[in-house]
Amino acid sequence: MLLPLSPMAEADEEFGTKVGRWVTANGWVAHDVNAKRAVVKFDLPSGRTQTLYAIDLGVVVELSVPSVLVFDTVEEVPPDLAVTCLRRNAKNTVGFWCLEQIEGKQAFSFMWNLPHRLLDAETFGQVVRELVVVCDELESAVVVDPVRLDQEIHDLLDGGAGGDQPTA
C-alpha cells in the first residue's frame, strides 16, 4: 500500500509529476504533462470534449477550461452572454468565468486559481470536475439550446429564478 506524500514532500515535488499523480489518482489520463503545464481531456455525456489546462504560475496553479464560445474580438462578444457569465460568477463557490485571449481570439473560460499548498489529489479532483461540468453546462445552454439561455438571461435581468432551477 502506498502512503500519501507528506505536505512538505509534495511541496518539493515537480509540478508535472505532482499533477500527473493527481490525475492518475482521480482515474483520469493526462493528455500532455510537463514541468509547467498539464492537459487533461474529458469526454462528456453531452458529446463534447472539455479540456482542462493546469498551469504552474509560481505560488498558484491556474486550472482553466476554455469553452467553445470564441470570438474574434471583444467587440463581437454578445453583451447578454457576458452578463450571464458575470451573474453566474456571483453564484459560484468554485471557479469564475473570464475572457481569455487564446491564439489571438477572445474565449470564455471557466477557471480557478489556487495556491499550490491548498491542492492535493482530492481537492484537485473536486475542483476539476466542477470546472469541466460548469463549462459544459454553459456550452449546452448556448450551443444546444439558445432559447433556454435567452430565458435564463431574461430571468436574471428580471430578478427571477433563472436557469439554475431543476427542470422536469
C-alpha atoms as a PDB file:
ATOM      1  CA  MET A   1       0.000   0.000   0.000  1.00  0.00           C
ATOM      2  CA  LEU A   2       1.360   3.411  -0.965  1.00  0.00           C
ATOM      3  CA  LEU A   3       1.137   6.119   1.631  1.00  0.00           C
ATOM      4  CA  PRO A   4       0.344   9.670   0.517  1.00  0.00           C
ATOM      5  CA  LEU A   5       3.245  12.054   0.392  1.00  0.00           C
ATOM      6  CA  SER A   6       3.581  14.413   3.290  1.00  0.00           C
ATOM      7  CA  PRO A   7       2.653  18.050   2.520  1.00  0.00           C
ATOM      8  CA  MET A   8       6.342  19.002   2.773  1.00  0.00           C
ATOM      9  CA  ALA A   9       7.465  16.282   0.334  1.00  0.00           C
ATOM     10  CA  GLU A  10       4.632  17.170  -2.057  1.00  0.00           C
ATOM     11  CA  ALA A  11       5.622  20.850  -1.967  1.00  0.00           C
ATOM     12  CA  ASP A  12       9.114  19.928  -3.180  1.00  0.00           C
ATOM     13  CA  GLU A  13       7.808  17.665  -5.946  1.00  0.00           C
ATOM     14  CA  GLU A  14       7.996  18.926  -9.552  1.00  0.00           C
ATOM     15  CA  PHE A  15       4.698  20.369 -10.829  1.00  0.00           C
ATOM     16  CA  GLY A  16       4.269  17.939 -13.723  1.00  0.00           C
ATOM     17  CA  THR A  17       4.964  14.913 -11.529  1.00  0.00           C
ATOM     18  CA  LYS A  18       2.570  16.113  -8.834  1.00  0.00           C
ATOM     19  CA  VAL A  19      -0.273  16.940 -11.241  1.00  0.00           C
ATOM     20  CA  GLY A  20       0.305  13.687 -13.132  1.00  0.00           C
ATOM     21  CA  ARG A  21      -0.100  11.801  -9.855  1.00  0.00           C
ATOM     22  CA  TRP A  22      -3.298  13.737  -9.023  1.00  0.00           C
ATOM     23  CA  VAL A  23      -4.718  12.995 -12.480  1.00  0.00           C
ATOM     24  CA  THR A  24      -3.996   9.280 -12.050  1.00  0.00           C
ATOM     25  CA  ALA A  25      -5.423   9.274  -8.506  1.00  0.00           C
ATOM     26  CA  ASN A  26      -8.715  10.576  -9.926  1.00  0.00           C
ATOM     27  CA  GLY A  27      -8.830   7.841 -12.570  1.00  0.00           C
ATOM     28  CA  TRP A  28      -8.064  10.133 -15.499  1.00  0.00           C
ATOM     29  CA  VAL A  29      -5.374  10.067 -18.165  1.00  0.00           C
ATOM     30  CA  ALA A  30      -3.210  13.123 -18.817  1.00  0.00           C
ATOM     31  CA  HIS A  31      -3.058  14.141 -22.463  1.00  0.00           C
ATOM     32  CA  ASP A  32       0.146  16.155 -22.009  1.00  0.00           C
ATOM     33  CA  VAL A  33       2.238  16.898 -18.908  1.00  0.00           C
ATOM     34  CA  ASN A  34       5.464  18.826 -18.466  1.00  0.00           C
ATOM     35  CA  ALA A  35       7.172  20.823 -15.713  1.00  0.00           C
ATOM     36  CA  LYS A  36       4.884  23.873 -16.171  1.00  0.00           C
ATOM     37  CA  ARG A  37       1.614  22.584 -17.642  1.00  0.00           C
ATOM     38  CA  ALA A  38      -0.730  19.612 -17.725  1.00  0.00           C
ATOM     39  CA  VAL A  39      -3.585  18.958 -20.154  1.00  0.00           C
ATOM     40  CA  VAL A  40      -6.437  16.555 -19.442  1.00  0.00           C
ATOM     41  CA  LYS A  41      -9.315  15.880 -21.852  1.00  0.00           C
ATOM     42  CA  PHE A  42     -12.760  14.759 -20.722  1.00  0.00           C
ATOM     43  CA  ASP A  43     -15.396  13.163 -22.977  1.00  0.00           C
ATOM     44  CA  LEU A  44     -18.779  14.132 -21.555  1.00  0.00           C
ATOM     45  CA  PRO A  45     -22.337  12.800 -21.927  1.00  0.00           C
ATOM     46  CA  SER A  46     -23.170  15.959 -23.909  1.00  0.00           C
ATOM     47  CA  GLY A  47     -20.991  14.554 -26.690  1.00  0.00           C
ATOM     48  CA  ARG A  48     -18.440  17.333 -26.259  1.00  0.00           C
ATOM     49  CA  THR A  49     -14.855  17.032 -25.085  1.00  0.00           C
ATOM     50  CA  GLN A  50     -13.749  19.541 -22.456  1.00  0.00           C
ATOM     51  CA  THR A  51     -10.057  20.257 -21.939  1.00  0.00           C
ATOM     52  CA  LEU A  52      -8.535  21.233 -18.614  1.00  0.00           C
ATOM     53  CA  TYR A  53      -5.265  23.160 -18.504  1.00  0.00           C
ATOM     54  CA  ALA A  54      -3.364  23.124 -15.214  1.00  0.00           C
ATOM     55  CA  ILE A  55      -0.656  25.778 -15.380  1.00  0.00           C
ATOM     56  CA  ASP A  56       2.072  26.411 -12.820  1.00  0.00           C
ATOM     57  CA  LEU A  57       2.132  30.159 -12.112  1.00  0.00           C
ATOM     58  CA  GLY A  58       4.631  30.001  -9.260  1.00  0.00           C
ATOM     59  CA  VAL A  59       2.811  30.028  -5.933  1.00  0.00           C
ATOM     60  CA  VAL A  60      -0.566  29.377  -7.599  1.00  0.00           C
ATOM     61  CA  VAL A  61      -1.949  26.861 -10.063  1.00  0.00           C
ATOM     62  CA  GLU A  62      -4.314  28.099 -12.759  1.00  0.00           C
ATOM     63  CA  LEU A  63      -6.963  25.500 -13.568  1.00  0.00           C
ATOM     64  CA  SER A  64      -8.734  26.542 -16.765  1.00  0.00           C
ATOM     65  CA  VAL A  65     -11.367  25.023 -19.059  1.00  0.00           C
ATOM     66  CA  PRO A  66     -11.744  27.089 -22.245  1.00  0.00           C
ATOM     67  CA  SER A  67     -15.194  26.898 -23.823  1.00  0.00           C
ATOM     68  CA  VAL A  68     -16.155  26.733 -27.485  1.00  0.00           C
ATOM     69  CA  LEU A  69     -17.573  30.253 -27.077  1.00  0.00           C
ATOM     70  CA  VAL A  70     -14.839  32.076 -29.003  1.00  0.00           C
ATOM     71  CA  PHE A  71     -14.989  35.449 -30.735  1.00  0.00           C
ATOM     72  CA  ASP A  72     -12.544  37.270 -32.985  1.00  0.00           C
ATOM     73  CA  THR A  73     -12.664  40.498 -30.933  1.00  0.00           C
ATOM     74  CA  VAL A  74     -14.008  41.729 -27.614  1.00  0.00           C
ATOM     75  CA  GLU A  75     -16.482  43.876 -29.546  1.00  0.00           C
ATOM     76  CA  GLU A  76     -18.045  40.704 -31.020  1.00  0.00           C
ATOM     77  CA  VAL A  77     -18.792  39.201 -27.594  1.00  0.00           C
ATOM     78  CA  PRO A  78     -22.588  39.197 -27.132  1.00  0.00           C
ATOM     79  CA  PRO A  79     -23.370  41.504 -24.184  1.00  0.00           C
ATOM     80  CA  ASP A  80     -26.128  39.174 -22.941  1.00  0.00           C
ATOM     81  CA  LEU A  81     -23.661  36.286 -22.777  1.00  0.00           C
ATOM     82  CA  ALA A  82     -21.143  38.400 -20.864  1.00  0.00           C
ATOM     83  CA  VAL A  83     -23.860  39.477 -18.392  1.00  0.00           C
ATOM     84  CA  THR A  84     -24.961  35.876 -17.934  1.00  0.00           C
ATOM     85  CA  CYS A  85     -21.399  34.794 -17.131  1.00  0.00           C
ATOM     86  CA  LEU A  86     -20.895  37.655 -14.679  1.00  0.00           C
ATOM     87  CA  ARG A  87     -24.162  36.853 -12.903  1.00  0.00           C
ATOM     88  CA  ARG A  88     -23.220  33.186 -12.726  1.00  0.00           C
ATOM     89  CA  ASN A  89     -19.897  34.238 -11.182  1.00  0.00           C
ATOM     90  CA  ALA A  90     -21.813  35.771  -8.290  1.00  0.00           C
ATOM     91  CA  LYS A  91     -23.350  32.360  -7.537  1.00  0.00           C
ATOM     92  CA  ASN A  92     -20.225  30.213  -7.963  1.00  0.00           C
ATOM     93  CA  THR A  93     -18.381  28.843  -4.967  1.00  0.00           C
ATOM     94  CA  VAL A  94     -15.717  27.294  -7.200  1.00  0.00           C
ATOM     95  CA  GLY A  95     -14.434  28.969 -10.331  1.00  0.00           C
ATOM     96  CA  PHE A  96     -15.208  32.074 -12.331  1.00  0.00           C
ATOM     97  CA  TRP A  97     -15.941  32.959 -15.939  1.00  0.00           C
ATOM     98  CA  CYS A  98     -13.476  35.157 -17.758  1.00  0.00           C
ATOM     99  CA  LEU A  99     -12.482  36.204 -21.251  1.00  0.00           C
ATOM    100  CA  GLU A 100      -9.052  34.873 -22.158  1.00  0.00           C
ATOM    101  CA  GLN A 101      -7.051  35.690 -25.237  1.00  0.00           C
ATOM    102  CA  ILE A 102      -6.238  32.338 -26.822  1.00  0.00           C
ATOM    103  CA  GLU A 103      -4.469  32.208 -30.171  1.00  0.00           C
ATOM    104  CA  GLY A 104      -5.477  35.810 -30.876  1.00  0.00           C
ATOM    105  CA  LYS A 105      -9.178  35.257 -30.164  1.00  0.00           C
ATOM    106  CA  GLN A 106     -11.397  36.015 -27.166  1.00  0.00           C
ATOM    107  CA  ALA A 107     -12.577  32.829 -25.456  1.00  0.00           C
ATOM    108  CA  PHE A 108     -14.850  32.383 -22.470  1.00  0.00           C
ATOM    109  CA  SER A 109     -13.052  30.140 -19.982  1.00  0.00           C
ATOM    110  CA  PHE A 110     -14.124  28.797 -16.633  1.00  0.00           C
ATOM    111  CA  MET A 111     -11.133  28.822 -14.297  1.00  0.00           C
ATOM    112  CA  TRP A 112      -9.910  28.962 -10.760  1.00  0.00           C
ATOM    113  CA  ASN A 113      -6.503  29.903  -9.346  1.00  0.00           C
ATOM    114  CA  LEU A 114      -5.414  28.111  -6.195  1.00  0.00           C
ATOM    115  CA  PRO A 115      -2.228  28.236  -4.141  1.00  0.00           C
ATOM    116  CA  HIS A 116      -0.189  25.036  -4.528  1.00  0.00           C
ATOM    117  CA  ARG A 117      -0.319  24.499  -0.781  1.00  0.00           C
ATOM    118  CA  LEU A 118      -4.123  24.110  -0.871  1.00  0.00           C
ATOM    119  CA  LEU A 119      -4.122  21.411  -3.538  1.00  0.00           C
ATOM    120  CA  ASP A 120      -3.960  17.680  -3.102  1.00  0.00           C
ATOM    121  CA  ALA A 121      -5.364  14.865  -5.252  1.00  0.00           C
ATOM    122  CA  GLU A 122      -8.839  15.018  -3.719  1.00  0.00           C
ATOM    123  CA  THR A 123      -9.185  18.816  -3.927  1.00  0.00           C
ATOM    124  CA  PHE A 124      -7.749  18.816  -7.434  1.00  0.00           C
ATOM    125  CA  GLY A 125     -10.354  16.232  -8.478  1.00  0.00           C
ATOM    126  CA  GLN A 126     -13.261  18.124  -6.931  1.00  0.00           C
ATOM    127  CA  VAL A 127     -12.256  21.446  -8.492  1.00  0.00           C
ATOM    128  CA  VAL A 128     -11.548  19.963 -11.928  1.00  0.00           C
ATOM    129  CA  ARG A 129     -14.889  18.123 -12.011  1.00  0.00           C
ATOM    130  CA  GLU A 130     -16.711  21.359 -11.124  1.00  0.00           C
ATOM    131  CA  LEU A 131     -14.868  23.400 -13.754  1.00  0.00           C
ATOM    132  CA  VAL A 132     -15.483  20.853 -16.509  1.00  0.00           C
ATOM    133  CA  VAL A 133     -19.177  20.385 -15.697  1.00  0.00           C
ATOM    134  CA  VAL A 134     -19.930  24.114 -15.367  1.00  0.00           C
ATOM    135  CA  CYS A 135     -18.209  24.870 -18.675  1.00  0.00           C
ATOM    136  CA  ASP A 136     -20.141  22.104 -20.391  1.00  0.00           C
ATOM    137  CA  GLU A 137     -23.432  23.359 -18.898  1.00  0.00           C
ATOM    138  CA  LEU A 138     -22.940  26.849 -20.349  1.00  0.00           C
ATOM    139  CA  GLU A 139     -21.982  25.415 -23.719  1.00  0.00           C
ATOM    140  CA  SER A 140     -25.126  23.251 -23.632  1.00  0.00           C
ATOM    141  CA  ALA A 141     -27.257  26.297 -22.904  1.00  0.00           C
ATOM    142  CA  VAL A 142     -25.688  28.392 -25.655  1.00  0.00           C
ATOM    143  CA  VAL A 143     -24.796  25.868 -28.341  1.00  0.00           C
ATOM    144  CA  VAL A 144     -27.592  23.326 -27.890  1.00  0.00           C
ATOM    145  CA  ASP A 145     -30.446  25.430 -26.543  1.00  0.00           C
ATOM    146  CA  PRO A 146     -30.112  29.169 -27.154  1.00  0.00           C
ATOM    147  CA  VAL A 147     -33.783  29.651 -26.171  1.00  0.00           C
ATOM    148  CA  ARG A 148     -33.006  28.299 -22.690  1.00  0.00           C
ATOM    149  CA  LEU A 149     -30.076  30.712 -22.367  1.00  0.00           C
ATOM    150  CA  ASP A 150     -32.245  33.581 -23.599  1.00  0.00           C
ATOM    151  CA  GLN A 151     -34.858  32.694 -20.948  1.00  0.00           C
ATOM    152  CA  GLU A 152     -32.143  32.485 -18.288  1.00  0.00           C
ATOM    153  CA  ILE A 153     -30.835  35.905 -19.292  1.00  0.00           C
ATOM    154  CA  HIS A 154     -34.316  37.416 -19.067  1.00  0.00           C
ATOM    155  CA  ASP A 155     -34.958  35.696 -15.716  1.00  0.00           C
ATOM    156  CA  LEU A 156     -31.670  37.011 -14.342  1.00  0.00           C
ATOM    157  CA  LEU A 157     -32.348  40.526 -15.573  1.00  0.00           C
ATOM    158  CA  ASP A 158     -35.884  40.397 -14.158  1.00  0.00           C
ATOM    159  CA  GLY A 159     -34.609  39.018 -10.831  1.00  0.00           C
ATOM    160  CA  GLY A 160     -36.278  35.635 -11.385  1.00  0.00           C
ATOM    161  CA  ALA A 161     -35.050  32.138 -10.694  1.00  0.00           C
ATOM    162  CA  GLY A 162     -33.023  31.742 -13.879  1.00  0.00           C
ATOM    163  CA  GLY A 163     -31.669  28.551 -15.319  1.00  0.00           C
ATOM    164  CA  ASP A 164     -30.307  27.214 -12.032  1.00  0.00           C
ATOM    165  CA  GLN A 165     -33.616  25.591 -11.100  1.00  0.00           C
ATOM    166  CA  PRO A 166     -34.170  21.914 -11.873  1.00  0.00           C
ATOM    167  CA  THR A 167     -36.362  21.175 -14.853  1.00  0.00           C
ATOM    168  CA  ALA A 168     -38.968  18.450 -15.016  1.00  0.00           C
END
